[in-house]
C-alpha atoms as a PDB file:
ATOM      1  CA  MET A   1      -3.716  24.063 -39.018  1.00  0.00           C
ATOM      2  CA  SER A   2       0.008  23.502 -40.047  1.00  0.00           C
ATOM      3  CA  LEU A   3       1.499  22.405 -43.226  1.00  0.00           C
ATOM      4  CA  SER A   4       2.430  19.219 -41.628  1.00  0.00           C
ATOM      5  CA  ASN A   5      -0.977  18.104 -39.894  1.00  0.00           C
ATOM      6  CA  ASN A   6      -2.357  18.845 -43.527  1.00  0.00           C
ATOM      7  CA  VAL A   7      -0.408  16.211 -45.026  1.00  0.00           C
ATOM      8  CA  THR A   8      -0.914  13.790 -42.085  1.00  0.00           C
ATOM      9  CA  ALA A   9      -5.588  14.524 -42.527  1.00  0.00           C
ATOM     10  CA  ILE A  10      -4.641  13.760 -46.364  1.00  0.00           C
ATOM     11  CA  LEU A  11      -2.753  10.803 -45.300  1.00  0.00           C
ATOM     12  CA  ASN A  12      -5.279   9.457 -43.303  1.00  0.00           C
ATOM     13  CA  PHE A  13      -7.897  10.298 -45.450  1.00  0.00           C
ATOM     14  CA  PHE A  14      -5.575   7.587 -47.892  1.00  0.00           C
ATOM     15  CA  SER A  15      -5.037   5.305 -45.686  1.00  0.00           C
ATOM     16  CA  LEU A  16      -9.052   5.170 -44.316  1.00  0.00           C
ATOM     17  CA  LEU A  17      -9.559   4.535 -48.086  1.00  0.00           C
ATOM     18  CA  CYS A  18      -7.136   1.042 -48.083  1.00  0.00           C
ATOM     19  CA  SER A  19      -9.237  -0.099 -45.545  1.00  0.00           C
ATOM     20  CA  ILE A  20     -12.141  -1.010 -48.176  1.00  0.00           C
ATOM     21  CA  PRO A  21     -10.017  -3.427 -50.051  1.00  0.00           C
ATOM     22  CA  ILE A  22      -9.261  -5.196 -46.937  1.00  0.00           C
ATOM     23  CA  ILE A  23     -13.320  -5.216 -45.740  1.00  0.00           C
ATOM     24  CA  GLY A  24     -14.132  -6.040 -49.264  1.00  0.00           C
ATOM     25  CA  SER A  25     -11.680  -8.820 -49.293  1.00  0.00           C
ATOM     26  CA  GLY A  26     -13.555 -10.311 -46.257  1.00  0.00           C
ATOM     27  CA  ILE A  27     -16.698  -9.815 -47.796  1.00  0.00           C
ATOM     28  CA  TRP A  28     -15.851 -11.059 -51.226  1.00  0.00           C
ATOM     29  CA  LEU A  29     -14.628 -14.442 -49.082  1.00  0.00           C
ATOM     30  CA  ALA A  30     -17.694 -14.961 -47.351  1.00  0.00           C
ATOM     31  CA  THR A  31     -19.525 -14.870 -50.725  1.00  0.00           C
ATOM     32  CA  LYS A  32     -17.938 -18.003 -52.116  1.00  0.00           C
ATOM     33  CA  PRO A  33     -19.550 -21.208 -51.765  1.00  0.00           C
ATOM     34  CA  ASP A  34     -16.922 -22.999 -49.703  1.00  0.00           C
ATOM     35  CA  ASN A  35     -16.693 -20.416 -47.386  1.00  0.00           C
ATOM     36  CA  GLN A  36     -20.252 -20.385 -46.473  1.00  0.00           C
ATOM     37  CA  CYS A  37     -19.371 -23.593 -44.668  1.00  0.00           C
ATOM     38  CA  LEU A  38     -15.950 -22.907 -43.741  1.00  0.00           C
ATOM     39  CA  HIS A  39     -15.757 -18.779 -41.545  1.00  0.00           C
ATOM     40  CA  LEU A  40     -11.840 -19.018 -41.892  1.00  0.00           C
ATOM     41  CA  ALA A  41     -11.000 -15.840 -43.288  1.00  0.00           C
ATOM     42  CA  ARG A  42     -13.880 -13.520 -43.366  1.00  0.00           C
ATOM     43  CA  TRP A  43     -14.152 -12.501 -39.666  1.00  0.00           C
ATOM     44  CA  PRO A  44     -10.384 -12.008 -39.602  1.00  0.00           C
ATOM     45  CA  LEU A  45      -9.995  -9.537 -42.339  1.00  0.00           C
ATOM     46  CA  ILE A  46     -13.645  -7.571 -41.915  1.00  0.00           C
ATOM     47  CA  ILE A  47     -12.460  -6.976 -38.861  1.00  0.00           C
ATOM     48  CA  LEU A  48      -8.785  -5.753 -39.212  1.00  0.00           C
ATOM     49  CA  GLY A  49     -10.440  -3.753 -42.202  1.00  0.00           C
ATOM     50  CA  LEU A  50     -12.876  -2.102 -39.350  1.00  0.00           C
ATOM     51  CA  LEU A  51      -9.998  -1.361 -37.063  1.00  0.00           C
ATOM     52  CA  ILE A  52      -7.775   0.572 -39.748  1.00  0.00           C
ATOM     53  CA  LEU A  53     -10.969   2.475 -40.379  1.00  0.00           C
ATOM     54  CA  LEU A  54     -11.288   3.834 -37.393  1.00  0.00           C
ATOM     55  CA  VAL A  55      -7.574   3.921 -36.686  1.00  0.00           C
ATOM     56  CA  SER A  56      -7.451   6.283 -39.508  1.00  0.00           C
ATOM     57  CA  LEU A  57     -10.390   8.389 -38.761  1.00  0.00           C
ATOM     58  CA  ALA A  58      -9.409   9.112 -35.474  1.00  0.00           C
ATOM     59  CA  GLY A  59      -5.803   9.618 -37.048  1.00  0.00           C
ATOM     60  CA  PHE A  60      -7.492  12.377 -38.966  1.00  0.00           C
ATOM     61  CA  ILE A  61      -9.260  13.680 -36.515  1.00  0.00           C
ATOM     62  CA  GLY A  62      -6.275  14.478 -34.675  1.00  0.00           C
ATOM     63  CA  ALA A  63      -4.555  15.855 -36.967  1.00  0.00           C
ATOM     64  CA  TYR A  64      -7.199  18.022 -38.242  1.00  0.00           C
ATOM     65  CA  TRP A  65      -7.230  19.471 -34.596  1.00  0.00           C
ATOM     66  CA  ASN A  66      -3.808  19.086 -33.632  1.00  0.00           C
ATOM     67  CA  HIS A  67      -4.054  16.733 -31.055  1.00  0.00           C
ATOM     68  CA  GLN A  68      -0.805  15.462 -30.991  1.00  0.00           C
ATOM     69  CA  CYS A  69      -1.638  12.945 -27.947  1.00  0.00           C
ATOM     70  CA  LEU A  70      -4.324  11.095 -30.423  1.00  0.00           C
ATOM     71  CA  LEU A  71      -2.111  11.263 -33.213  1.00  0.00           C
ATOM     72  CA  ALA A  72       0.645   9.430 -31.374  1.00  0.00           C
ATOM     73  CA  ILE A  73      -1.773   6.852 -30.579  1.00  0.00           C
ATOM     74  CA  TYR A  74      -3.078   6.597 -34.155  1.00  0.00           C
ATOM     75  CA  LEU A  75       0.706   6.283 -35.129  1.00  0.00           C
ATOM     76  CA  PHE A  76       0.844   2.913 -32.487  1.00  0.00           C
ATOM     77  CA  ALA A  77      -2.078   1.808 -33.167  1.00  0.00           C
ATOM     78  CA  MET A  78      -1.600   1.719 -37.089  1.00  0.00           C
ATOM     79  CA  ALA A  79       1.581  -0.017 -36.776  1.00  0.00           C
ATOM     80  CA  THR A  80       0.167  -2.551 -35.052  1.00  0.00           C
ATOM     81  CA  LEU A  81      -2.161  -2.917 -37.793  1.00  0.00           C
ATOM     82  CA  ILE A  82      -0.102  -3.115 -39.903  1.00  0.00           C
ATOM     83  CA  MET A  83       2.007  -6.034 -38.491  1.00  0.00           C
ATOM     84  CA  ILE A  84      -0.863  -7.986 -37.999  1.00  0.00           C
ATOM     85  CA  LEU A  85      -1.618  -7.382 -41.705  1.00  0.00           C
ATOM     86  CA  ILE A  86       1.839  -8.448 -42.913  1.00  0.00           C
ATOM     87  CA  ILE A  87       1.414 -11.756 -40.220  1.00  0.00           C
ATOM     88  CA  PHE A  88      -2.022 -12.584 -42.164  1.00  0.00           C
ATOM     89  CA  LEU A  89      -0.326 -12.724 -45.685  1.00  0.00           C
ATOM     90  CA  VAL A  90       2.560 -14.638 -44.583  1.00  0.00           C
ATOM     91  CA  PHE A  91       0.724 -16.932 -43.126  1.00  0.00           C
ATOM     92  CA  ALA A  92      -1.717 -17.303 -45.815  1.00  0.00           C
ATOM     93  CA  PHE A  93       0.788 -17.611 -48.316  1.00  0.00           C
ATOM     94  CA  VAL A  94       2.748 -20.320 -46.518  1.00  0.00           C
ATOM     95  CA  VAL A  95      -0.643 -22.311 -45.761  1.00  0.00           C
ATOM     96  CA  THR A  96      -1.974 -21.866 -49.936  1.00  0.00           C
ATOM     97  CA  ARG A  97       1.125 -22.784 -51.160  1.00  0.00           C
ATOM     98  CA  SER A  98       1.347 -26.389 -52.168  1.00  0.00           C
ATOM     99  CA  ASN A  99      -2.210 -26.458 -54.034  1.00  0.00           C
ATOM    100  CA  GLY A 100      -2.915 -30.764 -54.280  1.00  0.00           C
ATOM    101  CA  VAL A 101      -3.883 -30.609 -58.391  1.00  0.00           C
ATOM    102  CA  VAL A 102      -3.454 -33.079 -60.591  1.00  0.00           C
ATOM    103  CA  GLU A 103      -4.493 -33.094 -64.046  1.00  0.00           C
ATOM    104  CA  VAL A 104      -6.922 -35.157 -65.365  1.00  0.00           C
ATOM    105  CA  PRO A 105      -5.477 -36.211 -69.456  1.00  0.00           C
ATOM    106  CA  GLY A 106      -8.757 -36.120 -71.391  1.00  0.00           C
ATOM    107  CA  ARG A 107     -10.566 -33.483 -69.446  1.00  0.00           C
ATOM    108  CA  ALA A 108     -10.740 -29.327 -69.392  1.00  0.00           C
ATOM    109  CA  TYR A 109     -11.146 -29.658 -65.197  1.00  0.00           C
ATOM    110  CA  LYS A 110      -8.720 -30.643 -62.379  1.00  0.00           C
ATOM    111  CA  GLU A 111      -8.478 -32.888 -59.756  1.00  0.00           C
ATOM    112  CA  TYR A 112      -7.205 -32.810 -56.032  1.00  0.00           C
ATOM    113  CA  TYR A 113      -5.873 -35.190 -53.363  1.00  0.00           C
ATOM    114  CA  ILE A 114      -5.550 -33.608 -50.239  1.00  0.00           C
ATOM    115  CA  SER A 115      -2.242 -35.272 -49.232  1.00  0.00           C
ATOM    116  CA  GLY A 116      -0.884 -32.209 -51.688  1.00  0.00           C
ATOM    117  CA  PHE A 117      -2.178 -29.731 -49.327  1.00  0.00           C
ATOM    118  CA  SER A 118      -0.052 -28.010 -46.197  1.00  0.00           C
ATOM    119  CA  GLY A 119      -0.816 -29.850 -42.859  1.00  0.00           C
ATOM    120  CA  TRP A 120      -2.620 -27.003 -40.915  1.00  0.00           C
ATOM    121  CA  LEU A 121      -5.358 -26.598 -43.560  1.00  0.00           C
ATOM    122  CA  ARG A 122      -5.514 -30.483 -43.368  1.00  0.00           C
ATOM    123  CA  HIS A 123      -6.099 -30.585 -39.807  1.00  0.00           C
ATOM    124  CA  TYR A 124      -8.530 -27.198 -39.941  1.00  0.00           C
ATOM    125  CA  VAL A 125     -11.010 -28.473 -42.866  1.00  0.00           C
ATOM    126  CA  ALA A 126     -10.552 -32.199 -42.556  1.00  0.00           C
ATOM    127  CA  ASP A 127     -10.565 -32.900 -38.783  1.00  0.00           C
ATOM    128  CA  GLY A 128     -13.517 -35.632 -38.234  1.00  0.00           C
ATOM    129  CA  GLY A 129     -15.912 -32.661 -35.734  1.00  0.00           C
ATOM    130  CA  ASN A 130     -15.054 -29.768 -38.516  1.00  0.00           C
ATOM    131  CA  TRP A 131     -15.461 -31.919 -41.405  1.00  0.00           C
ATOM    132  CA  VAL A 132     -19.064 -33.224 -40.088  1.00  0.00           C
ATOM    133  CA  ARG A 133     -20.012 -30.017 -39.590  1.00  0.00           C
ATOM    134  CA  ILE A 134     -18.595 -28.882 -43.498  1.00  0.00           C
ATOM    135  CA  ARG A 135     -20.293 -31.528 -44.977  1.00  0.00           C
ATOM    136  CA  VAL A 136     -23.792 -30.906 -43.752  1.00  0.00           C
ATOM    137  CA  CYS A 137     -23.592 -27.141 -45.457  1.00  0.00           C
ATOM    138  CA  LEU A 138     -21.918 -28.908 -47.992  1.00  0.00           C
ATOM    139  CA  SER A 139     -24.865 -30.897 -48.670  1.00  0.00           C
ATOM    140  CA  GLU A 140     -27.467 -28.389 -48.406  1.00  0.00           C
ATOM    141  CA  SER A 141     -25.558 -25.758 -50.361  1.00  0.00           C
ATOM    142  CA  SER A 142     -26.571 -25.269 -54.434  1.00  0.00           C
ATOM    143  CA  VAL A 143     -22.973 -25.979 -55.481  1.00  0.00           C
ATOM    144  CA  CYS A 144     -23.761 -29.963 -57.134  1.00  0.00           C
ATOM    145  CA  GLU A 145     -27.439 -28.638 -57.744  1.00  0.00           C
ATOM    146  CA  LYS A 146     -26.286 -25.624 -59.938  1.00  0.00           C
ATOM    147  CA  LEU A 147     -24.104 -27.857 -61.398  1.00  0.00           C
ATOM    148  CA  SER A 148     -26.736 -30.775 -62.055  1.00  0.00           C
ATOM    149  CA  ARG A 149     -29.228 -27.813 -63.345  1.00  0.00           C
ATOM    150  CA  GLU A 150     -27.265 -25.768 -65.330  1.00  0.00           C
ATOM    151  CA  GLN A 151     -25.543 -28.856 -67.299  1.00  0.00           C
ATOM    152  CA  ALA A 152     -28.446 -31.625 -66.434  1.00  0.00           C
ATOM    153  CA  TYR A 153     -28.468 -32.162 -70.318  1.00  0.00           C
ATOM    154  CA  PHE A 154     -24.528 -31.768 -71.340  1.00  0.00           C
ATOM    155  CA  THR A 155     -23.455 -35.542 -73.053  1.00  0.00           C
ATOM    156  CA  ALA A 156     -20.443 -37.437 -71.329  1.00  0.00           C
ATOM    157  CA  ASP A 157     -17.823 -35.317 -74.007  1.00  0.00           C
ATOM    158  CA  GLN A 158     -19.194 -32.280 -73.512  1.00  0.00           C
ATOM    159  CA  PHE A 159     -18.982 -32.484 -69.018  1.00  0.00           C
ATOM    160  CA  PHE A 160     -15.941 -33.693 -69.645  1.00  0.00           C
ATOM    161  CA  GLN A 161     -14.538 -30.074 -71.651  1.00  0.00           C
ATOM    162  CA  THR A 162     -16.346 -28.239 -68.664  1.00  0.00           C
ATOM    163  CA  GLN A 163     -14.295 -26.000 -66.762  1.00  0.00           C
ATOM    164  CA  LEU A 164     -15.405 -27.227 -63.169  1.00  0.00           C
ATOM    165  CA  SER A 165     -14.545 -25.361 -59.734  1.00  0.00           C
ATOM    166  CA  PRO A 166     -12.338 -27.483 -58.147  1.00  0.00           C
ATOM    167  CA  LEU A 167     -15.396 -27.571 -55.093  1.00  0.00           C
ATOM    168  CA  GLN A 168     -17.435 -29.216 -58.070  1.00  0.00           C
ATOM    169  CA  ALA A 169     -14.734 -31.775 -59.370  1.00  0.00           C
ATOM    170  CA  SER A 170     -14.214 -33.271 -55.853  1.00  0.00           C
ATOM    171  CA  CYS A 171     -17.495 -33.341 -54.379  1.00  0.00           C
ATOM    172  CA  CYS A 172     -20.090 -33.324 -56.924  1.00  0.00           C
ATOM    173  CA  LYS A 173     -18.495 -36.797 -59.440  1.00  0.00           C
ATOM    174  CA  PRO A 174     -16.688 -39.274 -58.357  1.00  0.00           C
ATOM    175  CA  PRO A 175     -12.819 -39.769 -58.731  1.00  0.00           C
ATOM    176  CA  THR A 176     -11.784 -40.271 -62.527  1.00  0.00           C
ATOM    177  CA  THR A 177      -9.288 -42.924 -61.666  1.00  0.00           C
ATOM    178  CA  CYS A 178     -12.645 -44.947 -60.518  1.00  0.00           C
ATOM    179  CA  GLY A 179     -14.045 -45.495 -64.395  1.00  0.00           C
ATOM    180  CA  PHE A 180     -18.142 -44.473 -63.493  1.00  0.00           C
ATOM    181  CA  GLY A 181     -20.000 -44.140 -66.492  1.00  0.00           C
ATOM    182  CA  TYR A 182     -21.286 -41.027 -66.995  1.00  0.00           C
ATOM    183  CA  VAL A 183     -25.404 -39.983 -66.526  1.00  0.00           C
ATOM    184  CA  ASN A 184     -25.611 -36.305 -65.807  1.00  0.00           C
ATOM    185  CA  PRO A 185     -23.120 -33.902 -63.772  1.00  0.00           C
ATOM    186  CA  THR A 186     -24.126 -35.627 -60.186  1.00  0.00           C
ATOM    187  CA  VAL A 187     -24.930 -39.157 -61.338  1.00  0.00           C
ATOM    188  CA  TRP A 188     -22.774 -41.961 -62.598  1.00  0.00           C
ATOM    189  CA  ILE A 189     -22.887 -45.330 -62.931  1.00  0.00           C
ATOM    190  CA  ASN A 190     -21.283 -48.972 -63.472  1.00  0.00           C
ATOM    191  CA  PRO A 191     -17.726 -47.912 -61.922  1.00  0.00           C
ATOM    192  CA  SER A 192     -15.037 -50.017 -63.971  1.00  0.00           C
ATOM    193  CA  ASN A 193     -11.880 -50.056 -61.139  1.00  0.00           C
ATOM    194  CA  VAL A 194     -13.583 -49.282 -57.743  1.00  0.00           C
ATOM    195  CA  ALA A 195      -9.920 -50.558 -56.432  1.00  0.00           C
ATOM    196  CA  ALA A 196      -8.732 -47.428 -57.389  1.00  0.00           C
ATOM    197  CA  ASP A 197      -9.392 -45.538 -54.606  1.00  0.00           C
ATOM    198  CA  PRO A 198     -11.114 -45.272 -51.255  1.00  0.00           C
ATOM    199  CA  ASP A 199     -13.619 -42.710 -52.465  1.00  0.00           C
ATOM    200  CA  CYS A 200     -14.851 -44.857 -55.171  1.00  0.00           C
ATOM    201  CA  MET A 201     -17.000 -46.752 -52.315  1.00  0.00           C
ATOM    202  CA  ALA A 202     -17.748 -43.595 -50.667  1.00  0.00           C
ATOM    203  CA  TRP A 203     -19.858 -42.181 -53.897  1.00  0.00           C
ATOM    204  CA  SER A 204     -23.776 -41.999 -54.044  1.00  0.00           C
ATOM    205  CA  ASN A 205     -26.052 -40.604 -56.908  1.00  0.00           C
ATOM    206  CA  ASP A 206     -28.162 -39.532 -53.638  1.00  0.00           C
ATOM    207  CA  PRO A 207     -28.270 -35.858 -53.745  1.00  0.00           C
ATOM    208  CA  SER A 208     -27.396 -35.159 -50.149  1.00  0.00           C
ATOM    209  CA  LEU A 209     -24.422 -37.491 -49.979  1.00  0.00           C
ATOM    210  CA  LEU A 210     -22.630 -37.595 -53.708  1.00  0.00           C
ATOM    211  CA  CYS A 211     -18.672 -37.238 -52.843  1.00  0.00           C
ATOM    212  CA  TYR A 212     -19.499 -35.613 -49.379  1.00  0.00           C
ATOM    213  CA  ASN A 213     -17.504 -38.127 -47.680  1.00  0.00           C
ATOM    214  CA  CYS A 214     -14.860 -38.691 -49.692  1.00  0.00           C
ATOM    215  CA  GLN A 215     -11.183 -37.336 -49.503  1.00  0.00           C
ATOM    216  CA  SER A 216     -11.485 -35.730 -53.063  1.00  0.00           C
ATOM    217  CA  CYS A 217     -14.131 -33.799 -51.647  1.00  0.00           C
ATOM    218  CA  LYS A 218     -12.517 -32.223 -48.564  1.00  0.00           C
ATOM    219  CA  ALA A 219      -9.158 -31.908 -51.080  1.00  0.00           C
ATOM    220  CA  GLY A 220     -11.716 -29.639 -53.282  1.00  0.00           C
ATOM    221  CA  MET A 221     -12.755 -27.892 -50.327  1.00  0.00           C
ATOM    222  CA  LEU A 222      -9.085 -27.315 -50.017  1.00  0.00           C
ATOM    223  CA  GLY A 223      -8.037 -25.994 -53.101  1.00  0.00           C
ATOM    224  CA  ASN A 224     -11.346 -23.689 -53.785  1.00  0.00           C
ATOM    225  CA  LEU A 225     -10.172 -22.224 -50.823  1.00  0.00           C
ATOM    226  CA  ARG A 226      -6.421 -21.648 -51.739  1.00  0.00           C
ATOM    227  CA  GLN A 227      -7.484 -20.234 -55.218  1.00  0.00           C
ATOM    228  CA  GLU A 228      -9.234 -17.542 -53.487  1.00  0.00           C
ATOM    229  CA  TRP A 229      -7.388 -16.647 -50.980  1.00  0.00           C
ATOM    230  CA  ARG A 230      -5.021 -16.595 -53.353  1.00  0.00           C
ATOM    231  CA  LYS A 231      -6.847 -13.974 -55.402  1.00  0.00           C
ATOM    232  CA  ALA A 232      -7.803 -11.602 -51.825  1.00  0.00           C
ATOM    233  CA  ASN A 233      -3.639 -11.397 -51.616  1.00  0.00           C
ATOM    234  CA  ILE A 234      -3.307  -9.308 -54.776  1.00  0.00           C
ATOM    235  CA  ALA A 235      -5.906  -6.536 -52.657  1.00  0.00           C
ATOM    236  CA  LEU A 236      -4.112  -7.249 -49.425  1.00  0.00           C
ATOM    237  CA  ILE A 237      -0.791  -7.055 -50.669  1.00  0.00           C
ATOM    238  CA  ILE A 238      -1.549  -3.254 -52.795  1.00  0.00           C
ATOM    239  CA  ALA A 239      -3.218  -2.020 -49.491  1.00  0.00           C
ATOM    240  CA  ALA A 240      -0.464  -3.270 -47.193  1.00  0.00           C
ATOM    241  CA  VAL A 241       1.946  -1.279 -49.446  1.00  0.00           C
ATOM    242  CA  ALA A 242       0.087   1.506 -49.293  1.00  0.00           C
ATOM    243  CA  LEU A 243      -0.522   1.992 -45.667  1.00  0.00           C
ATOM    244  CA  ILE A 244       3.167   1.020 -44.930  1.00  0.00           C
ATOM    245  CA  TRP A 245       3.470   3.877 -47.641  1.00  0.00           C
ATOM    246  CA  VAL A 246       1.389   6.369 -45.769  1.00  0.00           C
ATOM    247  CA  TYR A 247       2.600   5.445 -42.314  1.00  0.00           C
ATOM    248  CA  VAL A 248       5.960   5.554 -43.453  1.00  0.00           C
ATOM    249  CA  ILE A 249       5.452  10.151 -44.535  1.00  0.00           C
ATOM    250  CA  GLY A 250       2.493   9.927 -41.844  1.00  0.00           C
ATOM    251  CA  CYS A 251       5.802   9.449 -39.349  1.00  0.00           C
ATOM    252  CA  SER A 252       7.652  11.816 -40.946  1.00  0.00           C
ATOM    253  CA  ALA A 253       4.341  14.534 -41.038  1.00  0.00           C
ATOM    254  CA  PHE A 254       4.087  14.233 -37.242  1.00  0.00           C
ATOM    255  CA  LYS A 255       7.259  14.632 -36.189  1.00  0.00           C
ATOM    256  CA  ASN A 256       7.265  17.609 -38.532  1.00  0.00           C
ATOM    257  CA  ALA A 257       4.413  19.067 -36.862  1.00  0.00           C
ATOM    258  CA  GLN A 258       6.000  18.588 -33.489  1.00  0.00           C
ATOM    259  CA  THR A 259       9.093  20.668 -34.782  1.00  0.00           C
ATOM    260  CA  GLU A 260       6.394  23.457 -35.681  1.00  0.00           C
ATOM    261  CA  ASP A 261       4.818  23.472 -32.688  1.00  0.00           C
ATOM    262  CA  LEU A 262       7.683  23.712 -30.295  1.00  0.00           C
ATOM    263  CA  PHE A 263       9.450  26.594 -32.757  1.00  0.00           C
ATOM    264  CA  ARG A 264       5.838  27.965 -32.452  1.00  0.00           C
ATOM    265  CA  ARG A 265       5.779  28.054 -28.616  1.00  0.00           C
ATOM    266  CA  TYR A 266       9.288  29.083 -28.632  1.00  0.00           C
ATOM    267  CA  LYS A 267       8.565  32.473 -30.543  1.00  0.00           C
ATOM    268  CA  GLN A 268       5.219  33.457 -28.061  1.00  0.00           C
ATOM    269  CA  GLY A 269       7.988  32.717 -25.491  1.00  0.00           C
ATOM    270  CA  TYR A 270      10.914  35.074 -27.234  1.00  0.00           C
ATOM    271  CA  THR A 271       8.114  37.761 -28.463  1.00  0.00           C
END
């Protein structure tokens, strides 16, 4: 192996490692409660990470055995995958820019309004057909059941000072503006202002219904999704920067390897 091919092989090993946080981000998103019901980002990320892993492996093999054709295919495929990753990052930042969050006086948790999120996310989640499926999935999940079980004996003041996820704050209890009286985290009675929000009438103490028919629950789903995407984006940005750095050096090493190969052939022909 020439020095340039050695460098290229090492760089491809690093790009192979860069695929791990991308795959890991997809798996992490898949384990979150809302993404069990909303399969929006898990598979694209996992598939993209696996493709980067396979392309990096092909580049490593091409560099190790000096297959110039395989290295050229690797460089083209990696450039395409890096571009896809950058497009995904830009898209994720654009659609998660607004957050729909509203501070609630005297509460540690926040509430969410669907009008505060991007139109694309609202359409994807709040669309009638999609939400029917998501709503059924949420009612069968442990999101609200876990909240009720863990905080069943909290007083109202204790509950109001509890940090809730957007999904818990929006689907497991009614909006604060309705003025419901607290019994436990998923049982609320005697609203004092049912005209404040259409969701006040949609609330039910039935564990299979709760606020799953509420607009606020849709907003909570988007709030959870936004938080998780923002966290996953950190790992994706690091991976993208590392891949670009590796790719640029890899291109230089590939050119040097071609030059070394031509020079070696010239010397052989000359001698």
